[in-house]
Amino acid sequence: MAGSSEQMAQSIRSIAQVAESTAAGTQEVAAAGQQQASSMQQVTESANDLSRMADQLQKHINRFKIS
């Protein structure tokens, strides 16, 4: 019976280690997701800036077009 209890305790420790490892992996994935979302926000802002600049450039070019 003592061997059975020790075996169960070892199994519980193994499960706890797997759970901790899984939790750490999940945190890493969550952090990477947040970083990716931040990067996508920056890309969106840059694209919007470029679009505004293109509109302004088009307006300036239109001034010099020969009709």
PDB file of N, CA and C in Angstrom:
ATOM      1  N   MET A   1       0.822  -1.192   0.000  1.00  0.00           N
ATOM      2  CA  MET A   1       0.000   0.000   0.000  1.00  0.00           C
ATOM      3  C   MET A   1       0.872   1.264   0.000  1.00  0.00           C
ATOM      4  N   ALA A   2       2.013   1.226   0.703  1.00  0.00           N
ATOM      5  CA  ALA A   2       2.903   2.378   0.741  1.00  0.00           C
ATOM      6  C   ALA A   2       3.450   2.670  -0.648  1.00  0.00           C
ATOM      7  N   GLY A   3       3.728   1.600  -1.420  1.00  0.00           N
ATOM      8  CA  GLY A   3       4.212   1.776  -2.779  1.00  0.00           C
ATOM      9  C   GLY A   3       3.154   2.408  -3.656  1.00  0.00           C
ATOM     10  N   SER A   4       1.932   2.035  -3.441  1.00  0.00           N
ATOM     11  CA  SER A   4       0.821   2.584  -4.218  1.00  0.00           C
ATOM     12  C   SER A   4       0.642   4.077  -3.929  1.00  0.00           C
ATOM     13  N   SER A   5       0.778   4.448  -2.671  1.00  0.00           N
ATOM     14  CA  SER A   5       0.659   5.860  -2.284  1.00  0.00           C
ATOM     15  C   SER A   5       1.790   6.677  -2.892  1.00  0.00           C
ATOM     16  N   GLU A   6       2.988   6.108  -2.886  1.00  0.00           N
ATOM     17  CA  GLU A   6       4.135   6.807  -3.464  1.00  0.00           C
ATOM     18  C   GLU A   6       3.965   6.958  -4.971  1.00  0.00           C
ATOM     19  N   GLN A   7       3.427   5.920  -5.592  1.00  0.00           N
ATOM     20  CA  GLN A   7       3.183   5.967  -7.031  1.00  0.00           C
ATOM     21  C   GLN A   7       2.151   7.053  -7.363  1.00  0.00           C
ATOM     22  N   MET A   8       1.127   7.148  -6.546  1.00  0.00           N
ATOM     23  CA  MET A   8       0.095   8.160  -6.763  1.00  0.00           C
ATOM     24  C   MET A   8       0.672   9.559  -6.554  1.00  0.00           C
ATOM     25  N   ALA A   9       1.489   9.720  -5.540  1.00  0.00           N
ATOM     26  CA  ALA A   9       2.110  11.014  -5.266  1.00  0.00           C
ATOM     27  C   ALA A   9       3.015  11.422  -6.433  1.00  0.00           C
ATOM     28  N   GLN A  10       3.765  10.458  -6.965  1.00  0.00           N
ATOM     29  CA  GLN A  10       4.631  10.745  -8.109  1.00  0.00           C
ATOM     30  C   GLN A  10       3.794  11.125  -9.331  1.00  0.00           C
ATOM     31  N   SER A  11       2.694  10.447  -9.535  1.00  0.00           N
ATOM     32  CA  SER A  11       1.799  10.770 -10.651  1.00  0.00           C
ATOM     33  C   SER A  11       1.247  12.184 -10.508  1.00  0.00           C
ATOM     34  N   ILE A  12       0.880  12.558  -9.304  1.00  0.00           N
ATOM     35  CA  ILE A  12       0.345  13.896  -9.048  1.00  0.00           C
ATOM     36  C   ILE A  12       1.433  14.949  -9.301  1.00  0.00           C
ATOM     37  N   ARG A  13       2.664  14.661  -8.872  1.00  0.00           N
ATOM     38  CA  ARG A  13       3.767  15.597  -9.129  1.00  0.00           C
ATOM     39  C   ARG A  13       4.010  15.745 -10.632  1.00  0.00           C
ATOM     40  N   SER A  14       3.937  14.648 -11.344  1.00  0.00           N
ATOM     41  CA  SER A  14       4.127  14.694 -12.801  1.00  0.00           C
ATOM     42  C   SER A  14       3.034  15.517 -13.469  1.00  0.00           C
ATOM     43  N   ILE A  15       1.814  15.332 -13.033  1.00  0.00           N
ATOM     44  CA  ILE A  15       0.691  16.096 -13.586  1.00  0.00           C
ATOM     45  C   ILE A  15       0.869  17.581 -13.275  1.00  0.00           C
ATOM     46  N   ALA A  16       1.324  17.887 -12.070  1.00  0.00           N
ATOM     47  CA  ALA A  16       1.550  19.288 -11.693  1.00  0.00           C
ATOM     48  C   ALA A  16       2.634  19.902 -12.561  1.00  0.00           C
ATOM     49  N   GLN A  17       3.690  19.157 -12.847  1.00  0.00           N
ATOM     50  CA  GLN A  17       4.761  19.676 -13.702  1.00  0.00           C
ATOM     51  C   GLN A  17       4.250  19.934 -15.120  1.00  0.00           C
ATOM     52  N   VAL A  18       3.454  19.017 -15.624  1.00  0.00           N
ATOM     53  CA  VAL A  18       2.886  19.198 -16.960  1.00  0.00           C
ATOM     54  C   VAL A  18       1.971  20.417 -16.972  1.00  0.00           C
ATOM     55  N   ALA A  19       1.177  20.580 -15.932  1.00  0.00           N
ATOM     56  CA  ALA A  19       0.262  21.725 -15.847  1.00  0.00           C
ATOM     57  C   ALA A  19       1.049  23.038 -15.795  1.00  0.00           C
ATOM     58  N   GLU A  20       2.128  23.065 -15.028  1.00  0.00           N
ATOM     59  CA  GLU A  20       2.954  24.278 -14.942  1.00  0.00           C
ATOM     60  C   GLU A  20       3.602  24.585 -16.289  1.00  0.00           C
ATOM     61  N   SER A  21       4.088  23.554 -16.941  1.00  0.00           N
ATOM     62  CA  SER A  21       4.704  23.738 -18.261  1.00  0.00           C
ATOM     63  C   SER A  21       3.676  24.247 -19.265  1.00  0.00           C
ATOM     64  N   THR A  22       2.491  23.688 -19.230  1.00  0.00           N
ATOM     65  CA  THR A  22       1.416  24.124 -20.128  1.00  0.00           C
ATOM     66  C   THR A  22       1.029  25.565 -19.842  1.00  0.00           C
ATOM     67  N   ALA A  23       0.947  25.930 -18.573  1.00  0.00           N
ATOM     68  CA  ALA A  23       0.601  27.303 -18.202  1.00  0.00           C
ATOM     69  C   ALA A  23       1.672  28.278 -18.702  1.00  0.00           C
ATOM     70  N   ALA A  24       2.931  27.896 -18.574  1.00  0.00           N
ATOM     71  CA  ALA A  24       4.018  28.758 -19.049  1.00  0.00           C
ATOM     72  C   ALA A  24       3.938  28.914 -20.565  1.00  0.00           C
ATOM     73  N   GLY A  25       3.659  27.833 -21.265  1.00  0.00           N
ATOM     74  CA  GLY A  25       3.512  27.899 -22.714  1.00  0.00           C
ATOM     75  C   GLY A  25       2.340  28.775 -23.119  1.00  0.00           C
ATOM     76  N   THR A  26       1.265  28.668 -22.395  1.00  0.00           N
ATOM     77  CA  THR A  26       0.084  29.488 -22.679  1.00  0.00           C
ATOM     78  C   THR A  26       0.386  30.964 -22.472  1.00  0.00           C
ATOM     79  N   GLN A  27       1.131  31.286 -21.429  1.00  0.00           N
ATOM     80  CA  GLN A  27       1.514  32.677 -21.183  1.00  0.00           C
ATOM     81  C   GLN A  27       2.399  33.209 -22.301  1.00  0.00           C
ATOM     82  N   GLU A  28       3.298  32.367 -22.796  1.00  0.00           N
ATOM     83  CA  GLU A  28       4.164  32.788 -23.899  1.00  0.00           C
ATOM     84  C   GLU A  28       3.341  33.061 -25.155  1.00  0.00           C
ATOM     85  N   VAL A  29       2.389  32.189 -25.434  1.00  0.00           N
ATOM     86  CA  VAL A  29       1.523  32.370 -26.601  1.00  0.00           C
ATOM     87  C   VAL A  29       0.688  33.644 -26.449  1.00  0.00           C
ATOM     88  N   ALA A  30       0.174  33.884 -25.260  1.00  0.00           N
ATOM     89  CA  ALA A  30      -0.617  35.091 -25.012  1.00  0.00           C
ATOM     90  C   ALA A  30       0.236  36.345 -25.210  1.00  0.00           C
ATOM     91  N   ALA A  31       1.460  36.312 -24.711  1.00  0.00           N
ATOM     92  CA  ALA A  31       2.358  37.463 -24.869  1.00  0.00           C
ATOM     93  C   ALA A  31       2.676  37.685 -26.340  1.00  0.00           C
ATOM     94  N   ALA A  32       2.904  36.612 -27.068  1.00  0.00           N
ATOM     95  CA  ALA A  32       3.180  36.736 -28.503  1.00  0.00           C
ATOM     96  C   ALA A  32       1.960  37.290 -29.225  1.00  0.00           C
ATOM     97  N   GLY A  33       0.778  36.869 -28.821  1.00  0.00           N
ATOM     98  CA  GLY A  33      -0.453  37.387 -29.415  1.00  0.00           C
ATOM     99  C   GLY A  33      -0.619  38.880 -29.170  1.00  0.00           C
ATOM    100  N   GLN A  34      -0.311  39.312 -27.974  1.00  0.00           N
ATOM    101  CA  GLN A  34      -0.406  40.733 -27.658  1.00  0.00           C
ATOM    102  C   GLN A  34       0.616  41.534 -28.458  1.00  0.00           C
ATOM    103  N   GLN A  35       1.797  40.981 -28.612  1.00  0.00           N
ATOM    104  CA  GLN A  35       2.839  41.652 -29.377  1.00  0.00           C
ATOM    105  C   GLN A  35       2.429  41.754 -30.850  1.00  0.00           C
ATOM    106  N   GLN A  36       1.827  40.692 -31.358  1.00  0.00           N
ATOM    107  CA  GLN A  36       1.375  40.697 -32.744  1.00  0.00           C
ATOM    108  C   GLN A  36       0.247  41.715 -32.933  1.00  0.00           C
ATOM    109  N   ALA A  37      -0.659  41.784 -31.990  1.00  0.00           N
ATOM    110  CA  ALA A  37      -1.745  42.763 -32.078  1.00  0.00           C
ATOM    111  C   ALA A  37      -1.192  44.189 -32.071  1.00  0.00           C
ATOM    112  N   SER A  38      -0.195  44.423 -31.248  1.00  0.00           N
ATOM    113  CA  SER A  38       0.438  45.743 -31.192  1.00  0.00           C
ATOM    114  C   SER A  38       1.113  46.065 -32.522  1.00  0.00           C
ATOM    115  N   SER A  39       1.800  45.092 -33.081  1.00  0.00           N
ATOM    116  CA  SER A  39       2.459  45.294 -34.374  1.00  0.00           C
ATOM    117  C   SER A  39       1.436  45.568 -35.466  1.00  0.00           C
ATOM    118  N   MET A  40       0.332  44.853 -35.444  1.00  0.00           N
ATOM    119  CA  MET A  40      -0.715  45.068 -36.446  1.00  0.00           C
ATOM    120  C   MET A  40      -1.317  46.467 -36.310  1.00  0.00           C
ATOM    121  N   GLN A  41      -1.451  46.943 -35.090  1.00  0.00           N
ATOM    122  CA  GLN A  41      -1.963  48.299 -34.870  1.00  0.00           C
ATOM    123  C   GLN A  41      -1.001  49.321 -35.469  1.00  0.00           C
ATOM    124  N   GLN A  42       0.293  49.103 -35.284  1.00  0.00           N
ATOM    125  CA  GLN A  42       1.295  50.008 -35.849  1.00  0.00           C
ATOM    126  C   GLN A  42       1.264  49.978 -37.372  1.00  0.00           C
ATOM    127  N   VAL A  43       1.101  48.780 -37.948  1.00  0.00           N
ATOM    128  CA  VAL A  43       1.021  48.659 -39.400  1.00  0.00           C
ATOM    129  C   VAL A  43      -0.213  49.394 -39.914  1.00  0.00           C
ATOM    130  N   THR A  44      -1.330  49.255 -39.212  1.00  0.00           N
ATOM    131  CA  THR A  44      -2.561  49.939 -39.615  1.00  0.00           C
ATOM    132  C   THR A  44      -2.387  51.451 -39.572  1.00  0.00           C
ATOM    133  N   GLU A  45      -1.779  51.941 -38.502  1.00  0.00           N
ATOM    134  CA  GLU A  45      -1.541  53.382 -38.382  1.00  0.00           C
ATOM    135  C   GLU A  45      -0.619  53.878 -39.489  1.00  0.00           C
ATOM    136  N   SER A  46       0.422  53.108 -39.790  1.00  0.00           N
ATOM    137  CA  SER A  46       1.344  53.493 -40.862  1.00  0.00           C
ATOM    138  C   SER A  46       0.634  53.492 -42.213  1.00  0.00           C
ATOM    139  N   ALA A  47      -0.204  52.512 -42.460  1.00  0.00           N
ATOM    140  CA  ALA A  47      -0.950  52.455 -43.714  1.00  0.00           C
ATOM    141  C   ALA A  47      -1.891  53.648 -43.837  1.00  0.00           C
ATOM    142  N   ASN A  48      -2.526  54.018 -42.748  1.00  0.00           N
ATOM    143  CA  ASN A  48      -3.403  55.193 -42.765  1.00  0.00           C
ATOM    144  C   ASN A  48      -2.606  56.465 -43.035  1.00  0.00           C
ATOM    145  N   ASP A  49      -1.433  56.589 -42.423  1.00  0.00           N
ATOM    146  CA  ASP A  49      -0.565  57.745 -42.675  1.00  0.00           C
ATOM    147  C   ASP A  49      -0.158  57.808 -44.144  1.00  0.00           C
ATOM    148  N   LEU A  50       0.228  56.664 -44.696  1.00  0.00           N
ATOM    149  CA  LEU A  50       0.617  56.626 -46.107  1.00  0.00           C
ATOM    150  C   LEU A  50      -0.551  56.997 -47.013  1.00  0.00           C
ATOM    151  N   SER A  51      -1.718  56.544 -46.663  1.00  0.00           N
ATOM    152  CA  SER A  51      -2.901  56.878 -47.459  1.00  0.00           C
ATOM    153  C   SER A  51      -3.160  58.381 -47.449  1.00  0.00           C
ATOM    154  N   ARG A  52      -3.043  58.984 -46.278  1.00  0.00           N
ATOM    155  CA  ARG A  52      -3.231  60.441 -46.179  1.00  0.00           C
ATOM    156  C   ARG A  52      -2.165  61.187 -46.991  1.00  0.00           C
ATOM    157  N   MET A  53      -0.928  60.715 -46.902  1.00  0.00           N
ATOM    158  CA  MET A  53       0.144  61.359 -47.663  1.00  0.00           C
ATOM    159  C   MET A  53      -0.089  61.208 -49.167  1.00  0.00           C
ATOM    160  N   ALA A  54      -0.571  60.052 -49.589  1.00  0.00           N
ATOM    161  CA  ALA A  54      -0.852  59.840 -51.012  1.00  0.00           C
ATOM    162  C   ALA A  54      -1.962  60.774 -51.480  1.00  0.00           C
ATOM    163  N   ASP A  55      -2.976  60.956 -50.651  1.00  0.00           N
ATOM    164  CA  ASP A  55      -4.055  61.893 -50.998  1.00  0.00           C
ATOM    165  C   ASP A  55      -3.516  63.310 -51.138  1.00  0.00           C
ATOM    166  N   GLN A  56      -2.671  63.720 -50.195  1.00  0.00           N
ATOM    167  CA  GLN A  56      -2.091  65.060 -50.256  1.00  0.00           C
ATOM    168  C   GLN A  56      -1.206  65.215 -51.494  1.00  0.00           C
ATOM    169  N   LEU A  57      -0.427  64.210 -51.794  1.00  0.00           N
ATOM    170  CA  LEU A  57       0.440  64.258 -52.964  1.00  0.00           C
ATOM    171  C   LEU A  57      -0.387  64.360 -54.238  1.00  0.00           C
ATOM    172  N   GLN A  58      -1.469  63.590 -54.283  1.00  0.00           N
ATOM    173  CA  GLN A  58      -2.346  63.643 -55.461  1.00  0.00           C
ATOM    174  C   GLN A  58      -2.931  65.039 -55.630  1.00  0.00           C
ATOM    175  N   LYS A  59      -3.308  65.681 -54.552  1.00  0.00           N
ATOM    176  CA  LYS A  59      -3.848  67.045 -54.632  1.00  0.00           C
ATOM    177  C   LYS A  59      -2.792  68.014 -55.160  1.00  0.00           C
ATOM    178  N   HIS A  60      -1.555  67.860 -54.698  1.00  0.00           N
ATOM    179  CA  HIS A  60      -0.474  68.727 -55.170  1.00  0.00           C
ATOM    180  C   HIS A  60      -0.165  68.474 -56.650  1.00  0.00           C
ATOM    181  N   ILE A  61      -0.182  67.222 -57.053  1.00  0.00           N
ATOM    182  CA  ILE A  61       0.070  66.893 -58.454  1.00  0.00           C
ATOM    183  C   ILE A  61      -1.021  67.446 -59.344  1.00  0.00           C
ATOM    184  N   ASN A  62      -2.257  67.396 -58.877  1.00  0.00           N
ATOM    185  CA  ASN A  62      -3.378  67.892 -59.671  1.00  0.00           C
ATOM    186  C   ASN A  62      -3.249  69.400 -59.990  1.00  0.00           C
ATOM    187  N   ARG A  63      -2.544  70.144 -59.170  1.00  0.00           N
ATOM    188  CA  ARG A  63      -2.346  71.568 -59.400  1.00  0.00           C
ATOM    189  C   ARG A  63      -1.515  71.807 -60.670  1.00  0.00           C
ATOM    190  N   PHE A  64      -0.637  70.855 -60.978  1.00  0.00           N
ATOM    191  CA  PHE A  64       0.289  71.045 -62.082  1.00  0.00           C
ATOM    192  C   PHE A  64      -0.138  70.343 -63.362  1.00  0.00           C
ATOM    193  N   LYS A  65      -1.265  69.710 -63.359  1.00  0.00           N
ATOM    194  CA  LYS A  65      -1.748  69.031 -64.555  1.00  0.00           C
ATOM    195  C   LYS A  65      -2.183  70.066 -65.583  1.00  0.00           C
ATOM    196  N   ILE A  66      -1.854  69.767 -66.825  1.00  0.00           N
ATOM    197  CA  ILE A  66      -2.278  70.643 -67.918  1.00  0.00           C
ATOM    198  C   ILE A  66      -3.637  70.163 -68.398  1.00  0.00           C
ATOM    199  N   SER A  67      -4.568  71.088 -68.464  1.00  0.00           N
ATOM    200  CA  SER A  67      -5.922  70.704 -68.865  1.00  0.00           C
ATOM    201  C   SER A  67      -6.067  70.724 -70.353  1.00  0.00           C
TER     202      SER A  67
END
